[in-house]
Each structure stands twice: as structure tokens, then as C-alpha cells.
Protein backbone atom coordinates (compact mmCIF):
# COMPACT_ATOMS: atom_id res chain seq x y z
CA UNK A 1 215.90 214.02 15.36
CA UNK A 2 215.50 216.95 17.73
CA UNK A 3 218.46 219.25 17.98
CA UNK A 4 219.85 220.00 21.45
CA UNK A 5 219.18 223.58 22.56
CA UNK A 6 222.17 225.80 22.18
CA UNK A 7 223.71 227.32 25.31
CA UNK A 8 224.22 231.06 24.97
CA UNK A 9 227.76 232.15 25.63
CA UNK A 10 229.15 235.55 26.43
CA UNK A 11 231.84 237.03 24.34
CA UNK A 12 234.91 238.44 26.18
CA UNK A 13 233.63 241.95 25.52
CA UNK A 14 230.18 241.12 26.97
CA UNK A 15 231.76 239.44 30.01
CA UNK A 16 233.97 242.47 30.70
CA UNK A 17 230.97 244.74 30.33
CA UNK A 18 229.01 242.59 32.81
CA UNK A 19 231.82 242.80 35.37
CA UNK A 20 232.06 246.53 34.92
CA UNK A 21 228.31 246.83 35.51
CA UNK A 22 228.59 244.77 38.72
CA UNK A 23 231.47 246.87 40.00
CA UNK A 24 229.58 250.02 39.09
CA UNK A 25 226.64 248.82 41.21
CA UNK A 26 229.05 248.02 44.07
CA UNK A 27 230.54 251.50 43.84
CA UNK A 28 227.04 252.96 43.89
CA UNK A 29 226.20 250.97 47.05
CA UNK A 30 229.42 252.10 48.73
CA UNK A 31 228.59 255.73 48.03
CA UNK A 32 225.27 255.47 49.87
CA UNK A 33 226.65 256.77 53.16
CA UNK A 34 226.37 259.73 55.49
CA UNK A 35 229.09 261.59 57.35
CA UNK A 36 229.15 261.26 61.14
CA UNK A 37 231.39 262.27 64.00
CA UNK A 38 233.05 259.74 66.28
CA UNK A 39 234.91 260.24 69.56
CA UNK A 40 236.72 257.80 71.83
CA UNK A 41 239.21 257.69 74.70
CA UNK A 42 242.69 256.14 74.57
CA UNK A 43 244.08 255.26 78.04
CA UNK A 44 247.82 255.96 77.92
CA UNK A 45 248.80 253.99 81.03
CA UNK A 46 247.31 251.41 83.38
CA UNK A 47 248.36 249.57 86.52
CA UNK A 48 248.53 245.81 86.48
CA UNK A 49 245.11 244.30 87.31
CA UNK A 50 243.48 247.72 86.90
CA UNK A 51 240.23 247.93 84.89
CA UNK A 52 239.35 250.94 82.73
CA UNK A 53 236.53 251.66 80.29
CA UNK A 54 237.17 252.40 76.62
CA UNK A 55 234.16 253.98 74.93
CA UNK A 56 233.37 254.92 71.34
CA UNK A 57 230.63 257.46 70.54
CA UNK A 58 229.03 258.13 67.14
CA UNK A 59 226.62 260.90 66.16
CA UNK A 60 225.81 262.20 62.64
CA UNK A 61 224.35 265.49 63.95
CA UNK A 62 227.33 266.66 66.05
CA UNK A 63 230.84 267.80 65.21
CA UNK A 64 233.81 265.77 66.49
CA UNK A 65 234.75 268.69 68.77
CA UNK A 66 231.33 268.66 70.47
CA UNK A 67 231.15 264.88 70.63
CA UNK A 68 234.54 264.59 72.38
CA UNK A 69 233.06 266.56 75.28
CA UNK A 70 230.62 263.69 75.88
CA UNK A 71 233.44 261.17 76.51
CA UNK A 72 233.71 260.77 80.28
CA UNK A 73 236.25 257.96 80.48
CA UNK A 74 239.95 258.62 81.31
CA UNK A 75 242.70 258.99 78.75
CA UNK A 76 243.41 260.98 75.63
CA UNK A 77 240.15 261.75 73.80
CA UNK A 78 240.20 261.81 70.00
CA UNK A 79 237.55 262.71 67.45
CA UNK A 80 237.14 262.26 63.71
CA UNK A 81 234.60 262.12 60.88
CA UNK A 82 233.77 258.87 59.09
CA UNK A 83 231.29 257.58 56.55
CA UNK A 84 228.39 255.65 58.10
CA UNK A 85 225.38 253.58 57.09
CA UNK A 86 222.20 252.88 59.08
CA UNK A 87 223.86 249.82 60.64
CA UNK A 88 227.39 250.00 62.02
CA UNK A 89 229.65 247.60 63.90
CA UNK A 90 232.61 248.40 66.18
CA UNK A 91 235.19 245.99 67.59
CA UNK A 92 238.02 246.39 70.09
CA UNK A 93 240.59 243.66 69.50
CA UNK A 94 243.27 242.42 71.93
CA UNK A 95 246.52 241.97 70.00
CA UNK A 96 248.07 239.80 72.75
CA UNK A 97 245.61 237.45 74.48
CA UNK A 98 247.73 237.49 77.64
CA UNK A 99 247.85 241.30 77.88
CA UNK A 100 244.21 242.18 78.58
CA UNK A 101 240.86 240.75 79.59
CA UNK A 102 238.21 242.42 77.44
CA UNK A 103 234.48 242.55 78.25
CA UNK A 104 232.00 244.46 76.05
CA UNK A 105 229.45 246.50 77.99
CA UNK A 106 227.16 247.01 74.98
CA UNK A 107 224.72 244.23 74.08
CA UNK A 108 225.79 243.83 70.46
CA UNK A 109 228.75 244.98 68.39
CA UNK A 110 226.28 245.79 65.60
CA UNK A 111 224.05 248.77 66.29
CA UNK A 112 221.39 250.75 64.45
CA UNK A 113 222.46 254.37 64.00
CA UNK A 114 220.19 257.28 64.88
CA UNK A 115 220.36 260.55 62.95
CA UNK A 116 220.15 262.62 66.14
CA UNK A 117 221.02 260.48 69.18
CA UNK A 118 224.50 259.36 70.16
CA UNK A 119 225.31 255.68 69.65
CA UNK A 120 227.72 254.21 72.21
CA UNK A 121 230.01 251.21 72.34
CA UNK A 122 232.02 250.50 75.50
CA UNK A 123 234.43 247.84 76.75
CA UNK A 124 235.86 247.00 80.18
CA UNK A 125 239.61 246.46 79.79
CA UNK A 126 241.64 244.77 82.56
CA UNK A 127 245.45 244.81 82.31
CA UNK A 128 247.06 241.41 82.93
CA UNK A 129 250.56 241.82 81.48
CA UNK A 130 253.14 244.53 82.08
CA UNK A 131 254.94 246.58 79.45
CA UNK A 132 253.85 248.31 76.26
CA UNK A 133 250.61 246.67 75.11
CA UNK A 134 248.09 247.53 72.42
CA UNK A 135 244.48 247.17 71.36
CA UNK A 136 243.01 247.73 67.90
CA UNK A 137 239.71 249.53 67.35
CA UNK A 138 237.95 248.84 64.05
CA UNK A 139 234.71 250.36 62.76
CA UNK A 140 232.63 248.70 60.03
CA UNK A 141 229.65 249.89 58.00
CA UNK A 142 227.03 247.57 56.50
CA UNK A 143 226.74 247.87 52.74
CA UNK A 144 223.62 246.52 51.00
CA UNK A 145 224.29 244.98 47.57
CA UNK A 146 222.12 242.69 45.49
CA UNK A 147 219.72 242.13 48.37
CA UNK A 148 222.46 241.08 50.81
CA UNK A 149 224.40 242.84 53.55
CA UNK A 150 228.20 242.99 53.61
CA UNK A 151 230.38 244.40 56.38
CA UNK A 152 233.04 246.73 55.05
CA UNK A 153 235.77 248.25 57.16
CA UNK A 154 235.55 252.01 57.32
CA UNK A 155 238.75 252.94 55.54
CA UNK A 156 239.52 255.87 57.80
CA UNK A 157 238.86 253.99 60.96
CA UNK A 158 241.18 251.34 62.15
CA UNK A 159 243.38 252.61 64.95
CA UNK A 160 245.74 251.24 67.61
CA UNK A 161 245.26 252.03 71.29
CA UNK A 162 248.71 251.79 72.90
CA UNK A 163 248.82 251.41 76.70
CA UNK A 164 251.79 251.30 79.05
CA UNK A 165 251.00 248.78 81.80
CA UNK A 166 253.01 249.22 85.03
CA UNK A 167 253.68 246.74 87.85
CA UNK A 168 252.79 249.21 90.65
CA UNK A 169 249.39 247.66 91.32
CA UNK A 170 250.83 244.19 91.85
CA UNK A 171 253.55 245.44 94.21
CA UNK A 172 250.95 247.40 96.14
CA UNK A 173 248.80 244.30 96.55
CA UNK A 174 251.55 242.19 98.15
CA UNK A 175 251.04 240.98 101.76
CA UNK A 176 253.70 243.17 103.34
CA UNK A 177 253.14 241.63 106.82
CA UNK A 178 254.10 238.23 105.44
CA UNK A 179 257.06 239.74 103.58
CA UNK A 180 258.24 241.56 106.73
CA UNK A 181 258.03 238.29 108.68
CA UNK A 182 260.29 236.54 106.19
CA UNK A 183 262.73 239.47 106.20
CA UNK A 184 262.93 239.54 110.01
CA UNK A 185 263.45 235.77 110.12
CA UNK A 186 266.19 235.98 107.50
CA UNK A 187 268.02 238.57 109.66
CA UNK A 188 267.29 237.08 113.09
CA UNK A 189 268.31 233.46 112.46
CA UNK A 190 271.93 234.18 111.41
CA UNK A 191 272.23 236.69 114.28
CA UNK A 192 271.00 234.04 116.75
CA UNK A 193 273.57 231.49 115.57
CA UNK A 194 276.34 234.08 115.77
CA UNK A 195 275.31 234.76 119.40
CA UNK A 196 275.39 231.00 120.17
CA UNK A 197 278.83 230.73 118.60
CA UNK A 198 280.16 233.61 120.70
CA UNK A 199 278.75 232.01 123.88
CA UNK A 200 280.49 228.75 123.12
CA UNK A 201 283.81 230.54 122.56
CA UNK A 202 283.44 232.43 125.86
CA UNK A 203 282.81 229.18 127.77
CA UNK A 204 285.92 227.59 126.28
CA UNK A 205 288.03 230.53 127.43
């Protein structure tokens, strides 16, 4: 009678060693990055129904101070240094779906990074709700491990973009001719009836 082949089993010590080796390889993959500068604008206030552009620039060969000078869009411009890989992804997230309409201008959130040229992401942001609103900008780097790609959030780059949305634009867009017509009617009609009432009293006298 043929004996069934034995199934090799790992001892707890071997299993722990295997996990440590895997984590060591993950750590090695995470360390395969370069340092790059980023710069972006943070609009501090918007009018209702106004549209502004939020842009994010990335360049490994420039300092954050130099890169901030390339941001042309309105608002407070901020710069920083982050760790990057050859493929990066940036997202701008609306925290309240009713607050903004968001439209990316770039073709793809994932972009290949050049060592010398500036990589740009940009979004059209339209304010649709008044008050203090916010967006969240998140940057990811692609980490290659075991022949597969994994998106990992850049630890130093997840930031809120807080915007005060005012109602001035909506008030400005009202049809003031129509409003004036209603106001004049509201004043004229009571005055007309008061005049009629006085005429009736004078006839009685």
C-alpha cells in the first residue's frame, strides 16, 4: 500500500520569519522613492456659482519656493516636499456633494512623473452652497511589490482646502427690474385703495 505524501508544515518560528521577510521586502519597496517639490493654490473665498481653478504642480528638480512661483491660479499658494515614485495619482475630493461641482481638467488622475518637467493636475471648482465648505486633496504614489502595483497615500500629503462661499453672486444675479415691479405694486395698491376710501368719505360729507 502506497503511503500518502506528507504535506510540509511550517513551524511558528518559520512562519514568523516568513512574515518578517515579506514585511522587509515591503519596506524595501516603500523606500524606493525620490524627493520632489509640490505646490498648489487654496482659494480662501468664493461667490456662489463662481468657478475657480485649483491646480497642483509637482517637480523633482525644483524647490518648493521656485515651484510656487509657477502657480497662476488665485488663492493662497503653498509648497512642500514629498516622496514620489515614477507614477503618481492626485485626487481632489468634495466633502459635501451639495457644496461644489468638481470637474478635472487633466485627462487622468494617474500621471507619469518626469525628472525635469513639471507635472500638473487641475480641477474646475464651482461653488453651489453657501457657508464654510471644504475640499480634500490627497496625493498617492504607486509602490511596486511582488510584480504588482499598489497605491499608497503619501503620508505627508493629505490636506483640507477650506473655502468660505458667500451669497453675493446670487444676489447680484437677481432680476432687479422684476423685483422693483413687485415692490412698486406692493406700495401702489394700498395707496390706491386709501385714495378711493378718502374719495368715498368726501362724497358722503
